[in-house]
Amino acid sequence: MTEPIAAPEPTTPATTISGKWVVVGMFVMGIIASGVIFLYWDLHTRPFRPLTEAVGREFRHSLPKVEGGRHKGSANTLRIAMRVPFVPDASTPQTQRVVNRIVELAQQQAELARFDVLEVHLIQLAPEQMAVEQSFKYPASDVLTALPFTVQDE
């Protein structure tokens, strides 16, 4: 009538890993991932760290962010973004002084000759309001020796 079904032959025994080694492996993986992230951050920010620190010393609480490089076929750009406590407007002397000082710091701390464009972004973040941003973009060759604004002292 019906033939008995043969039991499958046992294969190699399954190996088990104790929970202790799983936890150790997770810690090792976390340490390696943290190290890779730190290394990437350090290599990405190191060329601009002196300029970032100089802007931070000059303008307290500005939280400067300095980046440089080339994005997919665009010009080699040095970008400086920072918070300001006033409404940034290109026509006000206060904004012009801040931009001039940032350009001076970039001339001293960064190799502007390596870049094609210098961008300065001033951002005012007021509580419960939209952020106000004023951006300035200059050919780096124009600001290597001269400041973008001539400001009369009040």
C-alpha atoms as a PDB file:
ATOM      1  CA  MET A   1       0.000   0.000   0.000  1.00  0.00           C
ATOM      2  CA  THR A   2       1.945   3.008   1.052  1.00  0.00           C
ATOM      3  CA  GLU A   3       5.623   2.904   1.412  1.00  0.00           C
ATOM      4  CA  PRO A   4       7.115   4.332   4.552  1.00  0.00           C
ATOM      5  CA  ILE A   5       8.808   7.676   3.993  1.00  0.00           C
ATOM      6  CA  ALA A   6      12.461   7.591   4.811  1.00  0.00           C
ATOM      7  CA  ALA A   7      13.597  10.037   7.439  1.00  0.00           C
ATOM      8  CA  PRO A   8      16.069  12.612   6.131  1.00  0.00           C
ATOM      9  CA  GLU A   9      19.605  11.889   6.987  1.00  0.00           C
ATOM     10  CA  PRO A  10      21.064  14.232   9.585  1.00  0.00           C
ATOM     11  CA  THR A  11      23.412  16.822   8.169  1.00  0.00           C
ATOM     12  CA  THR A  12      26.197  18.529  10.037  1.00  0.00           C
ATOM     13  CA  PRO A  13      25.086  19.631  13.454  1.00  0.00           C
ATOM     14  CA  ALA A  14      23.907  23.271  13.712  1.00  0.00           C
ATOM     15  CA  THR A  15      26.367  25.553  15.462  1.00  0.00           C
ATOM     16  CA  THR A  16      25.158  27.960  18.042  1.00  0.00           C
ATOM     17  CA  ILE A  17      26.730  31.184  19.204  1.00  0.00           C
ATOM     18  CA  SER A  18      26.327  32.116  22.797  1.00  0.00           C
ATOM     19  CA  GLY A  19      24.637  35.412  23.654  1.00  0.00           C
ATOM     20  CA  LYS A  20      27.816  36.658  25.294  1.00  0.00           C
ATOM     21  CA  TRP A  21      29.677  36.577  21.967  1.00  0.00           C
ATOM     22  CA  VAL A  22      26.781  38.241  20.149  1.00  0.00           C
ATOM     23  CA  VAL A  23      26.922  41.143  22.634  1.00  0.00           C
ATOM     24  CA  VAL A  24      30.715  41.382  22.328  1.00  0.00           C
ATOM     25  CA  GLY A  25      30.368  41.401  18.521  1.00  0.00           C
ATOM     26  CA  MET A  26      27.785  44.190  18.682  1.00  0.00           C
ATOM     27  CA  PHE A  27      30.069  46.311  20.878  1.00  0.00           C
ATOM     28  CA  VAL A  28      33.015  45.756  18.528  1.00  0.00           C
ATOM     29  CA  MET A  29      30.862  46.674  15.519  1.00  0.00           C
ATOM     30  CA  GLY A  30      29.659  49.831  17.311  1.00  0.00           C
ATOM     31  CA  ILE A  31      33.214  50.870  18.190  1.00  0.00           C
ATOM     32  CA  ILE A  32      34.376  50.328  14.597  1.00  0.00           C
ATOM     33  CA  ALA A  33      31.394  52.302  13.215  1.00  0.00           C
ATOM     34  CA  SER A  34      32.071  55.174  15.642  1.00  0.00           C
ATOM     35  CA  GLY A  35      35.729  55.205  14.632  1.00  0.00           C
ATOM     36  CA  VAL A  36      34.856  55.339  10.928  1.00  0.00           C
ATOM     37  CA  ILE A  37      32.408  58.214  11.507  1.00  0.00           C
ATOM     38  CA  PHE A  38      34.988  60.147  13.554  1.00  0.00           C
ATOM     39  CA  LEU A  39      37.675  59.574  10.908  1.00  0.00           C
ATOM     40  CA  TYR A  40      35.360  60.754   8.123  1.00  0.00           C
ATOM     41  CA  TRP A  41      34.350  63.874  10.119  1.00  0.00           C
ATOM     42  CA  ASP A  42      37.965  64.680  10.947  1.00  0.00           C
ATOM     43  CA  LEU A  43      39.163  64.335   7.351  1.00  0.00           C
ATOM     44  CA  HIS A  44      36.166  66.312   6.050  1.00  0.00           C
ATOM     45  CA  THR A  45      36.563  69.268   8.441  1.00  0.00           C
ATOM     46  CA  ARG A  46      40.325  69.434   9.075  1.00  0.00           C
ATOM     47  CA  PRO A  47      41.225  71.761   6.156  1.00  0.00           C
ATOM     48  CA  PHE A  48      38.670  74.339   7.342  1.00  0.00           C
ATOM     49  CA  ARG A  49      39.015  74.009  11.104  1.00  0.00           C
ATOM     50  CA  PRO A  50      41.335  77.044  11.573  1.00  0.00           C
ATOM     51  CA  LEU A  51      38.884  79.275   9.692  1.00  0.00           C
ATOM     52  CA  THR A  52      35.903  77.833  11.574  1.00  0.00           C
ATOM     53  CA  GLU A  53      37.609  78.474  14.911  1.00  0.00           C
ATOM     54  CA  ALA A  54      38.662  82.007  13.894  1.00  0.00           C
ATOM     55  CA  VAL A  55      35.108  82.922  12.868  1.00  0.00           C
ATOM     56  CA  GLY A  56      33.800  81.388  16.100  1.00  0.00           C
ATOM     57  CA  ARG A  57      36.260  83.428  18.193  1.00  0.00           C
ATOM     58  CA  GLU A  58      35.459  86.644  16.339  1.00  0.00           C
ATOM     59  CA  PHE A  59      31.678  86.206  16.390  1.00  0.00           C
ATOM     60  CA  ARG A  60      30.588  84.500  19.607  1.00  0.00           C
ATOM     61  CA  HIS A  61      27.478  82.301  19.393  1.00  0.00           C
ATOM     62  CA  SER A  62      27.575  82.388  15.582  1.00  0.00           C
ATOM     63  CA  LEU A  63      27.898  78.596  15.163  1.00  0.00           C
ATOM     64  CA  PRO A  64      29.957  78.908  11.976  1.00  0.00           C
ATOM     65  CA  LYS A  65      29.966  76.147   9.420  1.00  0.00           C
ATOM     66  CA  VAL A  66      32.734  76.197   6.831  1.00  0.00           C
ATOM     67  CA  GLU A  67      32.743  73.827   3.883  1.00  0.00           C
ATOM     68  CA  GLY A  68      34.766  73.671   0.741  1.00  0.00           C
ATOM     69  CA  GLY A  69      34.843  71.660  -2.416  1.00  0.00           C
ATOM     70  CA  ARG A  70      33.275  71.024  -5.747  1.00  0.00           C
ATOM     71  CA  HIS A  71      29.774  69.657  -6.340  1.00  0.00           C
ATOM     72  CA  LYS A  72      29.228  67.711  -9.573  1.00  0.00           C
ATOM     73  CA  GLY A  73      30.761  69.938 -12.192  1.00  0.00           C
ATOM     74  CA  SER A  74      30.303  73.229 -10.370  1.00  0.00           C
ATOM     75  CA  ALA A  75      33.017  75.660  -9.335  1.00  0.00           C
ATOM     76  CA  ASN A  76      35.347  74.944  -6.430  1.00  0.00           C
ATOM     77  CA  THR A  77      33.571  76.816  -3.613  1.00  0.00           C
ATOM     78  CA  LEU A  78      34.432  77.928  -0.083  1.00  0.00           C
ATOM     79  CA  ARG A  79      31.143  78.304   1.789  1.00  0.00           C
ATOM     80  CA  ILE A  80      30.848  80.027   5.179  1.00  0.00           C
ATOM     81  CA  ALA A  81      27.484  80.022   6.946  1.00  0.00           C
ATOM     82  CA  MET A  82      26.878  81.574  10.352  1.00  0.00           C
ATOM     83  CA  ARG A  83      24.178  82.894  12.636  1.00  0.00           C
ATOM     84  CA  VAL A  84      23.888  86.606  13.326  1.00  0.00           C
ATOM     85  CA  PRO A  85      21.806  88.375  16.010  1.00  0.00           C
ATOM     86  CA  PHE A  86      20.469  91.012  13.595  1.00  0.00           C
ATOM     87  CA  VAL A  87      18.451  90.962  10.386  1.00  0.00           C
ATOM     88  CA  PRO A  88      21.058  90.535   7.637  1.00  0.00           C
ATOM     89  CA  ASP A  89      20.528  93.048   4.849  1.00  0.00           C
ATOM     90  CA  ALA A  90      23.170  93.825   2.240  1.00  0.00           C
ATOM     91  CA  SER A  91      22.491  97.557   2.469  1.00  0.00           C
ATOM     92  CA  THR A  92      23.178  97.924   6.210  1.00  0.00           C
ATOM     93  CA  PRO A  93      26.665  98.843   7.463  1.00  0.00           C
ATOM     94  CA  GLN A  94      26.476  96.188  10.187  1.00  0.00           C
ATOM     95  CA  THR A  95      26.031  93.406   7.618  1.00  0.00           C
ATOM     96  CA  GLN A  96      28.751  94.879   5.413  1.00  0.00           C
ATOM     97  CA  ARG A  97      31.199  94.978   8.354  1.00  0.00           C
ATOM     98  CA  VAL A  98      30.474  91.343   9.224  1.00  0.00           C
ATOM     99  CA  VAL A  99      30.964  90.215   5.615  1.00  0.00           C
ATOM    100  CA  ASN A 100      34.200  92.223   5.343  1.00  0.00           C
ATOM    101  CA  ARG A 101      35.516  90.664   8.561  1.00  0.00           C
ATOM    102  CA  ILE A 102      34.624  87.152   7.389  1.00  0.00           C
ATOM    103  CA  VAL A 103      36.444  87.804   4.109  1.00  0.00           C
ATOM    104  CA  GLU A 104      39.489  89.067   6.059  1.00  0.00           C
ATOM    105  CA  LEU A 105      39.475  85.917   8.178  1.00  0.00           C
ATOM    106  CA  ALA A 106      39.168  83.765   5.051  1.00  0.00           C
ATOM    107  CA  GLN A 107      42.122  85.613   3.512  1.00  0.00           C
ATOM    108  CA  GLN A 108      44.197  84.880   6.622  1.00  0.00           C
ATOM    109  CA  GLN A 109      43.065  81.341   7.489  1.00  0.00           C
ATOM    110  CA  ALA A 110      42.107  79.687   4.192  1.00  0.00           C
ATOM    111  CA  GLU A 111      43.945  79.350   0.926  1.00  0.00           C
ATOM    112  CA  LEU A 112      41.488  81.399  -1.138  1.00  0.00           C
ATOM    113  CA  ALA A 113      43.591  80.910  -4.263  1.00  0.00           C
ATOM    114  CA  ARG A 114      42.504  77.227  -4.278  1.00  0.00           C
ATOM    115  CA  PHE A 115      38.856  78.243  -4.699  1.00  0.00           C
ATOM    116  CA  ASP A 116      36.894  79.767  -7.545  1.00  0.00           C
ATOM    117  CA  VAL A 117      34.000  81.127  -5.475  1.00  0.00           C
ATOM    118  CA  LEU A 118      33.571  82.432  -1.925  1.00  0.00           C
ATOM    119  CA  GLU A 119      30.057  82.258  -0.485  1.00  0.00           C
ATOM    120  CA  VAL A 120      29.026  83.909   2.774  1.00  0.00           C
ATOM    121  CA  HIS A 121      25.617  83.107   4.246  1.00  0.00           C
ATOM    122  CA  LEU A 122      24.340  85.136   7.205  1.00  0.00           C
ATOM    123  CA  ILE A 123      21.309  83.681   8.965  1.00  0.00           C
ATOM    124  CA  GLN A 124      19.153  85.196  11.677  1.00  0.00           C
ATOM    125  CA  LEU A 125      17.126  82.662  13.642  1.00  0.00           C
ATOM    126  CA  ALA A 126      14.481  84.395  15.721  1.00  0.00           C
ATOM    127  CA  PRO A 127      12.211  82.322  17.982  1.00  0.00           C
ATOM    128  CA  GLU A 128       8.775  81.563  16.541  1.00  0.00           C
ATOM    129  CA  GLN A 129       9.679  83.206  13.209  1.00  0.00           C
ATOM    130  CA  MET A 130      11.024  82.191   9.847  1.00  0.00           C
ATOM    131  CA  ALA A 131      14.783  82.325   9.414  1.00  0.00           C
ATOM    132  CA  VAL A 132      16.100  85.361   7.542  1.00  0.00           C
ATOM    133  CA  GLU A 133      19.080  84.673   5.295  1.00  0.00           C
ATOM    134  CA  GLN A 134      21.273  86.934   3.217  1.00  0.00           C
ATOM    135  CA  SER A 135      23.781  85.314   0.879  1.00  0.00           C
ATOM    136  CA  PHE A 136      26.828  86.848  -0.737  1.00  0.00           C
ATOM    137  CA  LYS A 137      28.750  85.217  -3.567  1.00  0.00           C
ATOM    138  CA  TYR A 138      32.099  86.505  -4.827  1.00  0.00           C
ATOM    139  CA  PRO A 139      34.705  85.225  -7.249  1.00  0.00           C
ATOM    140  CA  ALA A 140      37.567  84.218  -4.968  1.00  0.00           C
ATOM    141  CA  SER A 141      40.061  86.044  -7.183  1.00  0.00           C
ATOM    142  CA  ASP A 142      38.217  89.337  -6.468  1.00  0.00           C
ATOM    143  CA  VAL A 143      38.456  88.980  -2.681  1.00  0.00           C
ATOM    144  CA  LEU A 144      42.034  87.690  -2.494  1.00  0.00           C
ATOM    145  CA  THR A 145      43.337  91.186  -1.794  1.00  0.00           C
ATOM    146  CA  ALA A 146      40.307  93.491  -1.600  1.00  0.00           C
ATOM    147  CA  LEU A 147      37.250  93.581   0.641  1.00  0.00           C
ATOM    148  CA  PRO A 148      33.796  93.435  -0.952  1.00  0.00           C
ATOM    149  CA  PHE A 149      32.353  96.489   0.845  1.00  0.00           C
ATOM    150  CA  THR A 150      33.631  99.966   1.603  1.00  0.00           C
ATOM    151  CA  VAL A 151      32.012 100.882   4.905  1.00  0.00           C
ATOM    152  CA  GLN A 152      32.002 104.364   6.387  1.00  0.00           C
ATOM    153  CA  ASP A 153      32.536 104.309  10.132  1.00  0.00           C
ATOM    154  CA  GLU A 154      29.682 105.905  11.981  1.00  0.00           C
END
